[in-house]
Amino acid sequence: REVAEKVGISKPALYYHFESKEDLVVETVRPIQDAMADLLDRAEAEDPPPTGREFFTAYFDVVMEHRQLSVWLSMDNAVRAYPALTDRAWAQQERLIKLLRGDDDYFERSVEVACALGAMQVGIMTFATLGGLDQAREHILGSALTLLERGRSDA
């Protein structure tokens, strides 16, 4: 109802294009998920693979390009209730971790990489919501990279 009101159409007209709320949510989120899939595809095809800094910078840029969707996804728990959305998001998260851990195929390294990604994601969401994201960019990237590289050097 709220979406139909925002775009100035009737609820039946909206459901003419989308069979369910889940279909509407999936299509709404598709741009960021497609951009993330493209980023992962390119990074996985590179030989040698991108450095942590190169990849984190590209990842940050994708999130910045879709910052409104990113904030909405991180703030609205109801959005994460749709399996069609969350299945793809978890599959992409697994690809992110695998790409960033590289050949270090052990559980502890996967945890370190997940924590570095989490630090970056929380930094982005915090400053996208509060303001100052452009100013915080290098600090967020640097902090996440410190976690990523520290874990590797401790191994």
N, C-alpha and C. Protein backbone atom coordinates (compact mmCIF):
# COMPACT_ATOMS: atom_id res chain seq x y z
N ARG A 1 0.82 -1.18 0.00
CA ARG A 1 0.00 0.00 0.00
C ARG A 1 0.87 1.25 0.00
N GLU A 2 1.88 1.28 0.88
CA GLU A 2 2.76 2.45 0.98
C GLU A 2 3.54 2.67 -0.32
N VAL A 3 4.01 1.60 -0.93
CA VAL A 3 4.75 1.72 -2.18
C VAL A 3 3.83 2.26 -3.27
N ALA A 4 2.62 1.72 -3.36
CA ALA A 4 1.66 2.18 -4.37
C ALA A 4 1.37 3.66 -4.18
N GLU A 5 1.19 4.08 -2.93
CA GLU A 5 0.93 5.50 -2.66
C GLU A 5 2.12 6.36 -3.06
N LYS A 6 3.34 5.90 -2.74
CA LYS A 6 4.55 6.68 -3.05
C LYS A 6 4.71 6.91 -4.56
N VAL A 7 4.41 5.87 -5.34
CA VAL A 7 4.60 6.01 -6.79
C VAL A 7 3.35 6.50 -7.50
N GLY A 8 2.27 6.69 -6.73
CA GLY A 8 1.07 7.28 -7.30
C GLY A 8 0.23 6.35 -8.15
N ILE A 9 0.21 5.07 -7.78
CA ILE A 9 -0.64 4.12 -8.49
C ILE A 9 -1.49 3.36 -7.47
N SER A 10 -2.46 2.64 -7.96
CA SER A 10 -3.31 1.87 -7.05
C SER A 10 -2.59 0.57 -6.65
N LYS A 11 -3.02 0.02 -5.55
CA LYS A 11 -2.44 -1.24 -5.09
C LYS A 11 -2.65 -2.35 -6.12
N PRO A 12 -3.86 -2.48 -6.73
CA PRO A 12 -4.02 -3.50 -7.78
C PRO A 12 -3.08 -3.29 -8.96
N ALA A 13 -2.82 -2.04 -9.31
CA ALA A 13 -1.89 -1.77 -10.43
C ALA A 13 -0.48 -2.23 -10.06
N LEU A 14 -0.10 -2.04 -8.81
CA LEU A 14 1.21 -2.50 -8.35
C LEU A 14 1.30 -4.02 -8.44
N TYR A 15 0.25 -4.69 -7.98
CA TYR A 15 0.26 -6.15 -8.01
C TYR A 15 0.08 -6.72 -9.41
N TYR A 16 -0.26 -5.89 -10.36
CA TYR A 16 -0.26 -6.33 -11.75
C TYR A 16 1.17 -6.62 -12.18
N HIS A 17 2.11 -5.84 -11.66
CA HIS A 17 3.51 -5.99 -12.03
C HIS A 17 4.27 -6.93 -11.09
N PHE A 18 3.81 -7.06 -9.86
CA PHE A 18 4.47 -7.89 -8.86
C PHE A 18 3.43 -8.78 -8.20
N GLU A 19 3.63 -10.09 -8.27
CA GLU A 19 2.63 -11.01 -7.73
C GLU A 19 2.54 -10.99 -6.22
N SER A 20 3.64 -10.63 -5.56
CA SER A 20 3.65 -10.68 -4.10
C SER A 20 4.58 -9.60 -3.55
N LYS A 21 4.52 -9.41 -2.24
CA LYS A 21 5.45 -8.49 -1.59
C LYS A 21 6.88 -8.97 -1.78
N GLU A 22 7.07 -10.28 -1.69
CA GLU A 22 8.42 -10.82 -1.86
C GLU A 22 8.97 -10.48 -3.24
N ASP A 23 8.16 -10.63 -4.28
CA ASP A 23 8.61 -10.28 -5.63
C ASP A 23 9.00 -8.81 -5.72
N LEU A 24 8.22 -7.95 -5.08
CA LEU A 24 8.52 -6.52 -5.07
C LEU A 24 9.84 -6.24 -4.36
N VAL A 25 10.04 -6.88 -3.21
CA VAL A 25 11.28 -6.68 -2.45
C VAL A 25 12.47 -7.20 -3.24
N VAL A 26 12.35 -8.37 -3.82
CA VAL A 26 13.46 -8.96 -4.59
C VAL A 26 13.84 -8.03 -5.75
N GLU A 27 12.86 -7.51 -6.45
CA GLU A 27 13.15 -6.62 -7.58
C GLU A 27 13.74 -5.29 -7.10
N THR A 28 13.32 -4.84 -5.93
CA THR A 28 13.85 -3.60 -5.38
C THR A 28 15.32 -3.74 -5.04
N VAL A 29 15.69 -4.91 -4.53
CA VAL A 29 17.06 -5.16 -4.07
C VAL A 29 17.96 -5.66 -5.20
N ARG A 30 17.37 -6.07 -6.30
CA ARG A 30 18.13 -6.64 -7.41
C ARG A 30 19.32 -5.77 -7.85
N PRO A 31 19.19 -4.44 -7.94
CA PRO A 31 20.34 -3.65 -8.42
C PRO A 31 21.60 -3.82 -7.57
N ILE A 32 21.49 -3.82 -6.27
CA ILE A 32 22.69 -3.97 -5.45
C ILE A 32 23.20 -5.40 -5.49
N GLN A 33 22.29 -6.37 -5.52
CA GLN A 33 22.75 -7.75 -5.59
C GLN A 33 23.39 -8.05 -6.94
N ASP A 34 22.86 -7.49 -8.01
CA ASP A 34 23.47 -7.68 -9.33
C ASP A 34 24.85 -7.01 -9.39
N ALA A 35 24.95 -5.81 -8.83
CA ALA A 35 26.23 -5.11 -8.81
C ALA A 35 27.26 -5.89 -8.00
N MET A 36 26.83 -6.47 -6.88
CA MET A 36 27.74 -7.26 -6.06
C MET A 36 28.16 -8.53 -6.81
N ALA A 37 27.22 -9.16 -7.51
CA ALA A 37 27.55 -10.36 -8.29
C ALA A 37 28.56 -10.02 -9.39
N ASP A 38 28.38 -8.88 -10.05
CA ASP A 38 29.33 -8.45 -11.09
C ASP A 38 30.71 -8.21 -10.49
N LEU A 39 30.75 -7.56 -9.34
CA LEU A 39 32.03 -7.31 -8.65
C LEU A 39 32.73 -8.63 -8.33
N LEU A 40 31.98 -9.57 -7.78
CA LEU A 40 32.56 -10.87 -7.43
C LEU A 40 33.02 -11.63 -8.67
N ASP A 41 32.21 -11.61 -9.72
CA ASP A 41 32.59 -12.29 -10.97
C ASP A 41 33.90 -11.75 -11.52
N ARG A 42 34.02 -10.42 -11.54
CA ARG A 42 35.26 -9.80 -12.06
C ARG A 42 36.46 -10.16 -11.18
N ALA A 43 36.27 -10.07 -9.87
CA ALA A 43 37.39 -10.35 -8.94
C ALA A 43 37.81 -11.81 -9.02
N GLU A 44 36.85 -12.72 -9.13
CA GLU A 44 37.19 -14.14 -9.20
C GLU A 44 37.88 -14.50 -10.52
N ALA A 45 37.64 -13.71 -11.56
CA ALA A 45 38.25 -13.99 -12.87
C ALA A 45 39.65 -13.39 -13.01
N GLU A 46 40.02 -12.46 -12.12
CA GLU A 46 41.33 -11.82 -12.23
C GLU A 46 42.45 -12.78 -11.84
N ASP A 47 43.55 -12.67 -12.58
CA ASP A 47 44.72 -13.47 -12.26
C ASP A 47 45.95 -12.57 -12.36
N PRO A 48 46.57 -12.20 -11.29
CA PRO A 48 46.29 -12.63 -9.92
C PRO A 48 45.04 -11.93 -9.37
N PRO A 49 44.48 -12.49 -8.29
CA PRO A 49 43.28 -11.88 -7.71
C PRO A 49 43.60 -10.49 -7.17
N PRO A 50 42.58 -9.65 -7.03
CA PRO A 50 42.83 -8.30 -6.52
C PRO A 50 43.35 -8.35 -5.08
N THR A 51 44.09 -7.33 -4.71
CA THR A 51 44.55 -7.24 -3.32
C THR A 51 43.35 -6.92 -2.44
N GLY A 52 43.53 -7.09 -1.14
CA GLY A 52 42.46 -6.74 -0.20
C GLY A 52 42.03 -5.30 -0.36
N ARG A 53 43.00 -4.39 -0.49
CA ARG A 53 42.67 -2.96 -0.65
C ARG A 53 41.90 -2.72 -1.94
N GLU A 54 42.34 -3.32 -3.04
CA GLU A 54 41.63 -3.14 -4.32
C GLU A 54 40.19 -3.64 -4.22
N PHE A 55 40.04 -4.82 -3.63
CA PHE A 55 38.70 -5.38 -3.56
C PHE A 55 37.82 -4.59 -2.59
N PHE A 56 38.34 -4.26 -1.41
CA PHE A 56 37.54 -3.50 -0.45
C PHE A 56 37.15 -2.14 -1.00
N THR A 57 38.04 -1.52 -1.76
CA THR A 57 37.72 -0.23 -2.37
C THR A 57 36.58 -0.39 -3.38
N ALA A 58 36.65 -1.41 -4.22
CA ALA A 58 35.59 -1.68 -5.19
C ALA A 58 34.28 -2.03 -4.49
N TYR A 59 34.36 -2.82 -3.43
CA TYR A 59 33.18 -3.19 -2.65
C TYR A 59 32.54 -1.94 -2.05
N PHE A 60 33.37 -1.09 -1.47
CA PHE A 60 32.89 0.17 -0.88
C PHE A 60 32.17 0.99 -1.94
N ASP A 61 32.73 1.06 -3.14
CA ASP A 61 32.12 1.83 -4.22
C ASP A 61 30.74 1.28 -4.61
N VAL A 62 30.60 -0.04 -4.62
CA VAL A 62 29.29 -0.64 -4.93
C VAL A 62 28.28 -0.25 -3.86
N VAL A 63 28.68 -0.34 -2.61
CA VAL A 63 27.76 0.01 -1.52
C VAL A 63 27.42 1.50 -1.59
N MET A 64 28.41 2.34 -1.89
CA MET A 64 28.16 3.79 -2.01
C MET A 64 27.17 4.08 -3.14
N GLU A 65 27.33 3.38 -4.25
CA GLU A 65 26.45 3.58 -5.40
C GLU A 65 25.00 3.23 -5.04
N HIS A 66 24.85 2.28 -4.15
CA HIS A 66 23.51 1.81 -3.75
C HIS A 66 23.27 2.07 -2.26
N ARG A 67 23.73 3.19 -1.77
CA ARG A 67 23.71 3.42 -0.32
C ARG A 67 22.31 3.41 0.26
N GLN A 68 21.31 3.92 -0.44
CA GLN A 68 19.95 3.90 0.12
C GLN A 68 19.45 2.47 0.30
N LEU A 69 19.69 1.63 -0.69
CA LEU A 69 19.31 0.22 -0.56
C LEU A 69 20.10 -0.46 0.55
N SER A 70 21.38 -0.15 0.64
CA SER A 70 22.23 -0.76 1.67
C SER A 70 21.72 -0.43 3.07
N VAL A 71 21.41 0.83 3.28
CA VAL A 71 20.90 1.24 4.59
C VAL A 71 19.56 0.58 4.87
N TRP A 72 18.70 0.57 3.88
CA TRP A 72 17.38 -0.06 4.06
C TRP A 72 17.54 -1.53 4.42
N LEU A 73 18.40 -2.24 3.72
CA LEU A 73 18.61 -3.66 3.99
C LEU A 73 19.17 -3.90 5.39
N SER A 74 20.03 -3.02 5.84
CA SER A 74 20.64 -3.22 7.15
C SER A 74 19.71 -2.81 8.29
N MET A 75 18.75 -1.94 8.02
CA MET A 75 17.90 -1.41 9.08
C MET A 75 16.53 -2.10 9.18
N ASP A 76 16.08 -2.73 8.13
CA ASP A 76 14.72 -3.29 8.11
C ASP A 76 14.77 -4.81 8.23
N ASN A 77 14.51 -5.30 9.42
CA ASN A 77 14.56 -6.74 9.67
C ASN A 77 13.53 -7.51 8.84
N ALA A 78 12.40 -6.90 8.53
CA ALA A 78 11.36 -7.58 7.77
C ALA A 78 11.84 -7.96 6.37
N VAL A 79 12.73 -7.16 5.81
CA VAL A 79 13.25 -7.43 4.47
C VAL A 79 14.00 -8.76 4.44
N ARG A 80 14.69 -9.06 5.53
CA ARG A 80 15.49 -10.29 5.57
C ARG A 80 14.66 -11.54 5.79
N ALA A 81 13.35 -11.41 5.84
CA ALA A 81 12.48 -12.57 6.04
C ALA A 81 12.15 -13.29 4.74
N TYR A 82 12.56 -12.74 3.61
CA TYR A 82 12.22 -13.33 2.32
C TYR A 82 13.34 -14.25 1.84
N PRO A 83 13.06 -15.56 1.75
CA PRO A 83 14.10 -16.51 1.35
C PRO A 83 14.75 -16.21 0.00
N ALA A 84 13.98 -15.76 -0.97
CA ALA A 84 14.56 -15.48 -2.29
C ALA A 84 15.62 -14.39 -2.20
N LEU A 85 15.46 -13.50 -1.26
CA LEU A 85 16.42 -12.42 -1.05
C LEU A 85 17.61 -12.89 -0.23
N THR A 86 17.33 -13.54 0.88
CA THR A 86 18.40 -13.93 1.79
C THR A 86 19.26 -15.05 1.22
N ASP A 87 18.69 -15.95 0.46
CA ASP A 87 19.49 -17.03 -0.13
C ASP A 87 20.59 -16.46 -1.02
N ARG A 88 20.23 -15.50 -1.85
CA ARG A 88 21.22 -14.89 -2.73
C ARG A 88 22.24 -14.09 -1.93
N ALA A 89 21.77 -13.38 -0.91
CA ALA A 89 22.68 -12.57 -0.09
C ALA A 89 23.69 -13.46 0.64
N TRP A 90 23.24 -14.58 1.20
CA TRP A 90 24.17 -15.48 1.90
C TRP A 90 25.15 -16.12 0.93
N ALA A 91 24.68 -16.47 -0.26
CA ALA A 91 25.59 -17.04 -1.27
C ALA A 91 26.67 -16.02 -1.64
N GLN A 92 26.28 -14.75 -1.77
CA GLN A 92 27.27 -13.72 -2.08
C GLN A 92 28.22 -13.51 -0.91
N GLN A 93 27.72 -13.59 0.31
CA GLN A 93 28.58 -13.44 1.49
C GLN A 93 29.63 -14.56 1.51
N GLU A 94 29.22 -15.78 1.20
CA GLU A 94 30.16 -16.90 1.14
C GLU A 94 31.23 -16.67 0.07
N ARG A 95 30.82 -16.14 -1.08
CA ARG A 95 31.78 -15.85 -2.14
C ARG A 95 32.76 -14.76 -1.70
N LEU A 96 32.25 -13.74 -1.01
CA LEU A 96 33.12 -12.67 -0.49
C LEU A 96 34.18 -13.24 0.43
N ILE A 97 33.76 -14.07 1.36
CA ILE A 97 34.70 -14.64 2.33
C ILE A 97 35.72 -15.52 1.63
N LYS A 98 35.26 -16.36 0.72
CA LYS A 98 36.18 -17.24 -0.01
C LYS A 98 37.20 -16.44 -0.81
N LEU A 99 36.74 -15.39 -1.48
CA LEU A 99 37.64 -14.56 -2.28
C LEU A 99 38.69 -13.90 -1.40
N LEU A 100 38.27 -13.35 -0.29
CA LEU A 100 39.20 -12.60 0.56
C LEU A 100 40.11 -13.48 1.40
N ARG A 101 39.69 -14.69 1.70
CA ARG A 101 40.59 -15.56 2.48
C ARG A 101 41.62 -16.22 1.58
N GLY A 102 41.35 -16.25 0.27
CA GLY A 102 42.30 -16.82 -0.68
C GLY A 102 42.56 -18.29 -0.41
N ASP A 103 43.82 -18.66 -0.45
CA ASP A 103 44.20 -20.05 -0.26
C ASP A 103 44.20 -20.47 1.21
N ASP A 104 43.99 -19.52 2.10
CA ASP A 104 43.97 -19.82 3.54
C ASP A 104 42.63 -20.46 3.89
N ASP A 105 42.49 -21.72 3.53
CA ASP A 105 41.21 -22.42 3.66
C ASP A 105 41.09 -23.08 5.03
N TYR A 106 41.06 -22.26 6.05
CA TYR A 106 40.82 -22.81 7.37
C TYR A 106 39.80 -21.93 8.08
N PHE A 107 39.12 -22.51 9.03
CA PHE A 107 37.98 -21.87 9.68
C PHE A 107 38.35 -20.52 10.29
N GLU A 108 39.45 -20.47 11.01
CA GLU A 108 39.84 -19.23 11.69
C GLU A 108 40.01 -18.08 10.70
N ARG A 109 40.58 -18.35 9.52
CA ARG A 109 40.77 -17.30 8.53
C ARG A 109 39.42 -16.82 8.01
N SER A 110 38.47 -17.73 7.84
CA SER A 110 37.12 -17.33 7.41
C SER A 110 36.48 -16.42 8.44
N VAL A 111 36.70 -16.69 9.72
CA VAL A 111 36.16 -15.83 10.78
C VAL A 111 36.81 -14.45 10.71
N GLU A 112 38.12 -14.40 10.53
CA GLU A 112 38.82 -13.11 10.44
C GLU A 112 38.30 -12.28 9.26
N VAL A 113 38.12 -12.92 8.13
CA VAL A 113 37.63 -12.22 6.94
C VAL A 113 36.21 -11.72 7.18
N ALA A 114 35.36 -12.57 7.77
CA ALA A 114 33.98 -12.16 8.06
C ALA A 114 33.96 -10.95 9.00
N CYS A 115 34.84 -10.94 9.99
CA CYS A 115 34.92 -9.81 10.92
C CYS A 115 35.38 -8.54 10.21
N ALA A 116 36.34 -8.65 9.31
CA ALA A 116 36.80 -7.48 8.55
C ALA A 116 35.66 -6.93 7.68
N LEU A 117 34.93 -7.84 7.01
CA LEU A 117 33.77 -7.41 6.22
C LEU A 117 32.72 -6.76 7.10
N GLY A 118 32.48 -7.36 8.26
CA GLY A 118 31.49 -6.81 9.19
C GLY A 118 31.88 -5.42 9.66
N ALA A 119 33.15 -5.23 9.95
CA ALA A 119 33.61 -3.91 10.39
C ALA A 119 33.37 -2.87 9.29
N MET A 120 33.67 -3.24 8.05
CA MET A 120 33.46 -2.31 6.96
C MET A 120 31.96 -2.03 6.77
N GLN A 121 31.14 -3.07 6.81
CA GLN A 121 29.71 -2.89 6.60
C GLN A 121 29.09 -2.03 7.70
N VAL A 122 29.48 -2.26 8.95
CA VAL A 122 28.95 -1.44 10.04
C VAL A 122 29.43 0.00 9.92
N GLY A 123 30.69 0.19 9.55
CA GLY A 123 31.19 1.55 9.34
C GLY A 123 30.42 2.26 8.25
N ILE A 124 30.18 1.59 7.15
CA ILE A 124 29.43 2.20 6.04
C ILE A 124 28.01 2.55 6.49
N MET A 125 27.33 1.60 7.12
CA MET A 125 25.94 1.83 7.52
C MET A 125 25.84 2.93 8.57
N THR A 126 26.78 2.96 9.50
CA THR A 126 26.76 3.99 10.54
C THR A 126 26.88 5.38 9.95
N PHE A 127 27.88 5.58 9.09
CA PHE A 127 28.11 6.92 8.56
C PHE A 127 27.20 7.26 7.39
N ALA A 128 26.63 6.26 6.73
CA ALA A 128 25.61 6.53 5.72
C ALA A 128 24.34 7.05 6.41
N THR A 129 24.07 6.53 7.60
CA THR A 129 22.88 6.95 8.35
C THR A 129 23.11 8.27 9.06
N LEU A 130 24.25 8.41 9.73
CA LEU A 130 24.52 9.61 10.53
C LEU A 130 25.07 10.77 9.71
N GLY A 131 25.59 10.46 8.53
CA GLY A 131 26.24 11.48 7.71
C GLY A 131 27.75 11.37 7.83
N GLY A 132 28.44 11.91 6.85
CA GLY A 132 29.89 11.91 6.87
C GLY A 132 30.53 10.69 6.25
N LEU A 133 29.78 9.95 5.45
CA LEU A 133 30.33 8.73 4.85
C LEU A 133 31.51 9.03 3.94
N ASP A 134 31.41 10.07 3.12
CA ASP A 134 32.54 10.40 2.24
C ASP A 134 33.79 10.73 3.05
N GLN A 135 33.61 11.46 4.12
CA GLN A 135 34.73 11.84 4.98
C GLN A 135 35.31 10.62 5.71
N ALA A 136 34.46 9.66 6.07
CA ALA A 136 34.90 8.48 6.82
C ALA A 136 35.45 7.38 5.93
N ARG A 137 35.30 7.52 4.63
CA ARG A 137 35.66 6.45 3.67
C ARG A 137 37.04 5.84 3.93
N GLU A 138 38.08 6.64 3.92
CA GLU A 138 39.44 6.11 4.06
C GLU A 138 39.66 5.47 5.43
N HIS A 139 39.03 6.01 6.45
CA HIS A 139 39.17 5.43 7.79
C HIS A 139 38.46 4.08 7.88
N ILE A 140 37.29 3.99 7.26
CA ILE A 140 36.56 2.72 7.25
C ILE A 140 37.36 1.67 6.49
N LEU A 141 37.82 2.03 5.29
CA LEU A 141 38.63 1.09 4.49
C LEU A 141 39.89 0.68 5.25
N GLY A 142 40.58 1.65 5.84
CA GLY A 142 41.81 1.35 6.57
C GLY A 142 41.57 0.44 7.75
N SER A 143 40.51 0.69 8.49
CA SER A 143 40.21 -0.16 9.66
C SER A 143 39.88 -1.59 9.25
N ALA A 144 39.07 -1.73 8.21
CA ALA A 144 38.71 -3.07 7.74
C ALA A 144 39.95 -3.79 7.20
N LEU A 145 40.80 -3.08 6.47
CA LEU A 145 42.02 -3.69 5.95
C LEU A 145 42.98 -4.09 7.06
N THR A 146 43.04 -3.28 8.09
CA THR A 146 43.89 -3.63 9.23
C THR A 146 43.44 -4.96 9.83
N LEU A 147 42.14 -5.13 9.97
CA LEU A 147 41.62 -6.41 10.49
C LEU A 147 41.94 -7.56 9.53
N LEU A 148 41.74 -7.32 8.26
CA LEU A 148 41.96 -8.36 7.25
C LEU A 148 43.44 -8.76 7.22
N GLU A 149 44.33 -7.79 7.21
CA GLU A 149 45.75 -8.06 7.09
C GLU A 149 46.35 -8.53 8.41
N ARG A 150 45.83 -8.06 9.51
CA ARG A 150 46.32 -8.49 10.83
C ARG A 150 46.07 -9.97 11.03
N GLY A 151 44.88 -10.39 10.66
CA GLY A 151 44.56 -11.82 10.78
C GLY A 151 45.50 -12.67 9.96
N ARG A 152 45.83 -12.23 8.76
CA ARG A 152 46.72 -12.99 7.89
C ARG A 152 48.13 -13.05 8.48
N SER A 153 48.60 -11.93 9.04
CA SER A 153 49.97 -11.91 9.57
C SER A 153 50.09 -12.69 10.88
N ASP A 154 48.96 -12.87 11.59
CA ASP A 154 48.99 -13.66 12.83
C ASP A 154 48.97 -15.16 12.55
N ALA A 155 48.65 -15.55 11.33
CA ALA A 155 48.48 -16.98 11.00
C ALA A 155 49.80 -17.71 11.07
